[in-house]
Amino acid sequence: MNKMNVPIWPFRFAIILIVLVLWVTAVAPAQATGPELQVITEIAPPASFIDARGNLSGLAVEVVQAIQKEIGVHAEIQVMPWARGYHELTTNPNVALFSTTRTPARESLFHWVGPVFTTRWIMYARKGSGLNITSLEDAKSIERIGVYRDDARAQLLRDNGFDNLDVADRQELNLAKLLGGRVDAIVYSDLTMKEFLAKSNTDPDLVEAIFEIGSRDLYIAFSKGSDPETIHIWQEAVDQLEERGDLQRIRDKWLP
């Protein structure tokens, strides 16, 4: 047979197929992970804190790590003061901030992945303060209430007409202000209060709960302009982890 008569199109077709397979393989991971994501948290035990070995740990941290393992990507978790992290969330695309309370006022500001866990908002005073609070309206009579800058609890009180708020840049400062008599009440989550009392070696009997505002779910908030596919993938991972019971096992570990 004359070699010049052998058709060469099958070889060209095979080469084209190989090139296409290699191209799809190369670009698929980039399409799945989307744009680079900035993941931010604050120090708020037991959700997120630095442990004795200097590692970032906590309930919400483990949840985010489990999500990233589930989807096969890894974005370093950055620790920032809440006000700075919240500023990043409100000004830049592709930012994820946790743990963020989902409230009606914030609903349209962000995209929401979760829920991660639930906490209760409690108003605390010094033991023996004599404050008798039976409603949120009653609390307006308190001279000074310590809150945390850009925190959902501060936003709630401000939206309800409170003009007696003393704003701190760091959450743990409010406990010191309360014990030192610089404010008359503070609003914490029940979980965070327990952790800060233990961390500061403060006798729990020095403070008392005077009013429960209510329960709130905490989420991972994604900024506006974030990649929709990334948000979808993260929520799918949360749903899968929830269905398998993995998220509940993490919650049970930190909230026995």
Protein backbone atom coordinates (compact mmCIF):
# COMPACT_ATOMS: atom_id res chain seq x y z
CA MET A 1 0.00 0.00 0.00
CA ASN A 2 1.17 3.48 -0.79
CA LYS A 3 1.71 5.30 2.53
CA MET A 4 0.79 8.59 0.90
CA ASN A 5 -2.79 7.29 0.52
CA VAL A 6 -3.30 6.60 4.24
CA PRO A 7 -5.90 9.11 5.58
CA ILE A 8 -4.48 11.36 8.30
CA TRP A 9 -7.76 12.82 9.65
CA PRO A 10 -8.16 10.11 12.34
CA PHE A 11 -4.81 11.13 13.80
CA ARG A 12 -5.71 14.80 13.72
CA PHE A 13 -9.05 14.03 15.37
CA ALA A 14 -7.32 12.06 18.14
CA ILE A 15 -4.87 14.89 18.77
CA ILE A 16 -7.71 17.41 18.97
CA LEU A 17 -9.54 15.19 21.49
CA ILE A 18 -6.43 14.90 23.66
CA VAL A 19 -5.92 18.65 23.61
CA LEU A 20 -9.57 19.25 24.56
CA VAL A 21 -9.40 16.78 27.47
CA LEU A 22 -6.23 18.37 28.78
CA TRP A 23 -7.76 21.86 28.49
CA VAL A 24 -10.97 20.89 30.29
CA THR A 25 -8.96 19.19 33.05
CA ALA A 26 -6.82 22.27 33.46
CA VAL A 27 -9.63 24.80 33.64
CA ALA A 28 -12.22 22.79 35.61
CA PRO A 29 -10.68 23.34 39.07
CA ALA A 30 -10.50 27.10 38.49
CA GLN A 31 -14.14 27.18 37.47
CA ALA A 32 -15.16 25.14 40.53
CA THR A 33 -13.32 27.24 43.08
CA GLY A 34 -14.18 30.59 41.52
CA PRO A 35 -12.42 33.84 42.40
CA GLU A 36 -10.14 33.95 45.44
CA LEU A 37 -12.21 34.18 48.61
CA GLN A 38 -11.25 36.19 51.70
CA VAL A 39 -12.50 34.35 54.80
CA ILE A 40 -12.61 36.39 58.02
CA THR A 41 -13.54 35.75 61.63
CA GLU A 42 -13.14 37.51 64.99
CA ILE A 43 -12.08 36.30 68.42
CA ALA A 44 -15.41 35.27 69.97
CA PRO A 45 -15.15 32.07 71.99
CA PRO A 46 -16.40 29.38 71.77
CA ALA A 47 -17.08 30.06 68.07
CA SER A 48 -13.55 31.24 67.24
CA PHE A 49 -10.46 31.81 69.39
CA ILE A 50 -6.73 31.17 69.60
CA ASP A 51 -6.02 28.03 71.64
CA ALA A 52 -3.11 27.35 74.00
CA ARG A 53 -0.94 26.14 71.10
CA GLY A 54 -1.54 29.34 69.13
CA ASN A 55 -3.92 27.75 66.64
CA LEU A 56 -7.25 29.13 65.52
CA SER A 57 -9.96 26.93 66.97
CA GLY A 58 -13.62 26.89 67.96
CA LEU A 59 -17.06 25.73 66.91
CA ALA A 60 -17.51 27.98 63.88
CA VAL A 61 -13.88 27.55 62.83
CA GLU A 62 -14.34 23.77 62.70
CA VAL A 63 -17.53 24.19 60.67
CA VAL A 64 -15.77 26.39 58.09
CA GLN A 65 -12.85 23.97 57.95
CA ALA A 66 -15.27 21.08 57.39
CA ILE A 67 -16.97 23.00 54.57
CA GLN A 68 -13.66 23.71 52.85
CA LYS A 69 -12.63 20.06 53.18
CA GLU A 70 -15.99 19.01 51.72
CA ILE A 71 -15.56 21.18 48.62
CA GLY A 72 -11.84 20.49 48.24
CA VAL A 73 -10.52 24.03 48.54
CA HIS A 74 -8.70 25.95 51.22
CA ALA A 75 -8.78 29.65 51.97
CA GLU A 76 -6.82 30.83 54.97
CA ILE A 77 -9.03 32.16 57.77
CA GLN A 78 -8.00 35.67 58.76
CA VAL A 79 -8.63 37.02 62.27
CA MET A 80 -9.71 40.66 62.56
CA PRO A 81 -11.57 42.86 65.02
CA TRP A 82 -15.26 42.64 64.20
CA ALA A 83 -15.61 46.24 62.98
CA ARG A 84 -12.74 45.79 60.50
CA GLY A 85 -14.06 42.44 59.24
CA TYR A 86 -17.55 43.90 58.89
CA HIS A 87 -16.11 46.81 56.91
CA GLU A 88 -14.43 44.35 54.53
CA LEU A 89 -17.73 42.50 54.18
CA THR A 90 -19.67 45.65 53.33
CA THR A 91 -17.16 47.12 50.88
CA ASN A 92 -15.47 44.29 48.96
CA PRO A 93 -16.73 41.36 46.85
CA ASN A 94 -15.76 37.73 47.58
CA VAL A 95 -15.54 38.19 51.34
CA ALA A 96 -16.98 35.67 53.82
CA LEU A 97 -17.37 36.72 57.47
CA PHE A 98 -18.35 34.39 60.30
CA SER A 99 -20.10 34.03 62.65
CA THR A 100 -22.60 36.67 61.51
CA THR A 101 -26.05 37.07 63.00
CA ARG A 102 -28.79 37.02 60.37
CA THR A 103 -31.26 39.79 61.13
CA PRO A 104 -34.03 41.50 59.12
CA ALA A 105 -31.91 44.66 58.94
CA ARG A 106 -28.99 42.72 57.42
CA GLU A 107 -31.01 40.34 55.25
CA SER A 108 -30.60 42.20 51.95
CA LEU A 109 -27.06 43.39 52.66
CA PHE A 110 -25.35 40.00 52.29
CA HIS A 111 -25.69 36.46 51.00
CA TRP A 112 -26.16 33.84 53.71
CA VAL A 113 -24.68 30.35 54.11
CA GLY A 114 -25.74 28.26 57.06
CA PRO A 115 -27.01 28.28 59.70
CA VAL A 116 -23.91 27.37 61.71
CA PHE A 117 -25.32 27.46 65.25
CA THR A 118 -27.83 29.24 67.46
CA THR A 119 -27.21 31.49 70.43
CA ARG A 120 -29.28 33.52 72.90
CA TRP A 121 -28.91 37.27 73.41
CA ILE A 122 -28.92 38.16 77.10
CA MET A 123 -28.75 41.49 78.93
CA TYR A 124 -26.48 41.24 81.98
CA ALA A 125 -25.96 43.52 84.98
CA ARG A 126 -23.83 43.43 88.11
CA LYS A 127 -25.25 41.14 90.77
CA GLY A 128 -27.53 43.07 93.10
CA SER A 129 -28.00 45.98 90.68
CA GLY A 130 -31.71 46.07 91.40
CA LEU A 131 -32.52 46.48 87.70
CA ASN A 132 -35.93 45.00 86.91
CA ILE A 133 -36.29 44.63 83.14
CA THR A 134 -39.35 42.85 81.73
CA SER A 135 -39.26 44.15 78.16
CA LEU A 136 -36.93 45.73 75.64
CA GLU A 137 -38.76 49.02 76.20
CA ASP A 138 -37.91 48.83 79.93
CA ALA A 139 -34.21 48.67 79.06
CA LYS A 140 -34.32 52.20 77.67
CA SER A 141 -34.43 53.41 81.27
CA ILE A 142 -30.96 51.96 81.97
CA GLU A 143 -28.40 54.77 82.08
CA ARG A 144 -25.62 53.09 80.08
CA ILE A 145 -25.67 49.82 78.12
CA GLY A 146 -22.37 48.48 76.84
CA VAL A 147 -22.41 47.21 73.25
CA TYR A 148 -19.89 46.17 70.60
CA ARG A 149 -19.24 48.30 67.49
CA ASP A 150 -21.16 47.12 64.37
CA ASP A 151 -22.51 44.15 66.31
CA ALA A 152 -26.03 42.92 65.51
CA ARG A 153 -27.11 43.51 69.12
CA ALA A 154 -25.98 47.12 68.96
CA GLN A 155 -27.80 47.53 65.64
CA LEU A 156 -30.97 46.04 67.11
CA LEU A 157 -30.99 48.40 70.09
CA ARG A 158 -30.16 51.42 67.94
CA ASP A 159 -32.95 50.52 65.50
CA ASN A 160 -35.34 50.35 68.45
CA GLY A 161 -34.56 53.89 69.55
CA PHE A 162 -31.94 53.30 72.25
CA ASP A 163 -29.82 56.40 72.86
CA ASN A 164 -28.09 55.06 75.99
CA LEU A 165 -25.47 52.89 74.26
CA ASP A 166 -21.80 52.88 75.23
CA VAL A 167 -19.88 51.47 72.25
CA ALA A 168 -16.64 49.47 72.64
CA ASP A 169 -14.28 48.40 69.86
CA ARG A 170 -13.60 45.03 71.48
CA GLN A 171 -16.28 42.79 72.90
CA GLU A 172 -14.38 41.74 76.02
CA LEU A 173 -14.04 45.40 77.09
CA ASN A 174 -17.72 45.52 77.93
CA LEU A 175 -17.38 42.95 80.71
CA ALA A 176 -14.56 44.99 82.26
CA LYS A 177 -16.67 48.15 81.95
CA LEU A 178 -19.60 46.43 83.66
CA LEU A 179 -17.53 45.11 86.57
CA GLY A 180 -15.84 48.51 86.91
CA GLY A 181 -19.14 50.38 87.04
CA ARG A 182 -18.54 52.26 83.79
CA VAL A 183 -21.74 50.80 82.28
CA ASP A 184 -24.86 49.50 83.99
CA ALA A 185 -25.66 46.61 81.67
CA ILE A 186 -24.18 44.77 78.69
CA VAL A 187 -25.63 42.60 75.95
CA TYR A 188 -23.79 39.37 75.22
CA SER A 189 -24.64 35.96 73.83
CA ASP A 190 -25.00 33.38 76.57
CA LEU A 191 -22.12 31.34 75.09
CA THR A 192 -19.71 34.26 74.82
CA MET A 193 -20.43 35.43 78.36
CA LYS A 194 -19.53 32.03 79.81
CA GLU A 195 -16.26 31.98 77.88
CA PHE A 196 -15.23 35.53 78.77
CA LEU A 197 -16.01 34.95 82.47
CA ALA A 198 -13.82 31.85 82.44
CA LYS A 199 -11.04 33.47 80.43
CA SER A 200 -10.83 36.47 82.75
CA ASN A 201 -11.11 34.32 85.90
CA THR A 202 -14.19 36.31 86.88
CA ASP A 203 -16.54 34.88 89.48
CA PRO A 204 -19.81 34.16 87.59
CA ASP A 205 -21.74 35.26 90.69
CA LEU A 206 -20.62 38.85 90.07
CA VAL A 207 -23.03 39.19 87.13
CA GLU A 208 -26.63 38.19 86.55
CA ALA A 209 -28.94 37.90 83.56
CA ILE A 210 -31.70 40.49 83.78
CA PHE A 211 -33.45 40.07 80.43
CA GLU A 212 -33.37 37.67 77.47
CA ILE A 213 -33.79 39.43 74.15
CA GLY A 214 -34.21 36.20 72.19
CA SER A 215 -32.46 33.51 70.15
CA ARG A 216 -30.62 34.17 66.91
CA ASP A 217 -29.07 31.96 64.21
CA LEU A 218 -25.50 32.65 63.16
CA TYR A 219 -24.35 32.24 59.57
CA ILE A 220 -21.42 32.73 57.23
CA ALA A 221 -22.16 36.04 55.48
CA PHE A 222 -20.90 36.58 51.92
CA SER A 223 -20.52 40.11 50.59
CA LYS A 224 -22.52 41.48 47.70
CA GLY A 225 -20.77 40.92 44.40
CA SER A 226 -19.37 37.57 45.54
CA ASP A 227 -19.22 34.74 43.02
CA PRO A 228 -22.71 33.12 42.99
CA GLU A 229 -21.30 29.67 42.23
CA THR A 230 -19.00 29.84 45.24
CA ILE A 231 -21.92 30.73 47.51
CA HIS A 232 -23.98 27.88 46.03
CA ILE A 233 -21.16 25.38 46.54
CA TRP A 234 -20.67 26.45 50.17
CA GLN A 235 -24.38 26.12 50.94
CA GLU A 236 -24.51 22.71 49.28
CA ALA A 237 -21.61 21.62 51.47
CA VAL A 238 -23.42 22.86 54.60
CA ASP A 239 -26.54 20.93 53.57
CA GLN A 240 -24.54 17.75 53.00
CA LEU A 241 -22.67 18.07 56.30
CA GLU A 242 -25.97 18.71 58.09
CA GLU A 243 -27.63 15.72 56.45
CA ARG A 244 -24.76 13.40 57.46
CA GLY A 245 -24.82 14.68 61.03
CA ASP A 246 -21.30 16.11 60.84
CA LEU A 247 -22.35 19.63 61.81
CA GLN A 248 -24.34 18.40 64.79
CA ARG A 249 -21.32 16.42 65.99
CA ILE A 250 -19.24 19.63 65.89
CA ARG A 251 -21.95 21.52 67.80
CA ASP A 252 -22.19 18.74 70.39
CA LYS A 253 -18.42 18.83 70.85
CA TRP A 254 -18.40 22.54 71.71
CA LEU A 255 -21.87 22.87 73.23
CA PRO A 256 -22.35 19.66 75.24
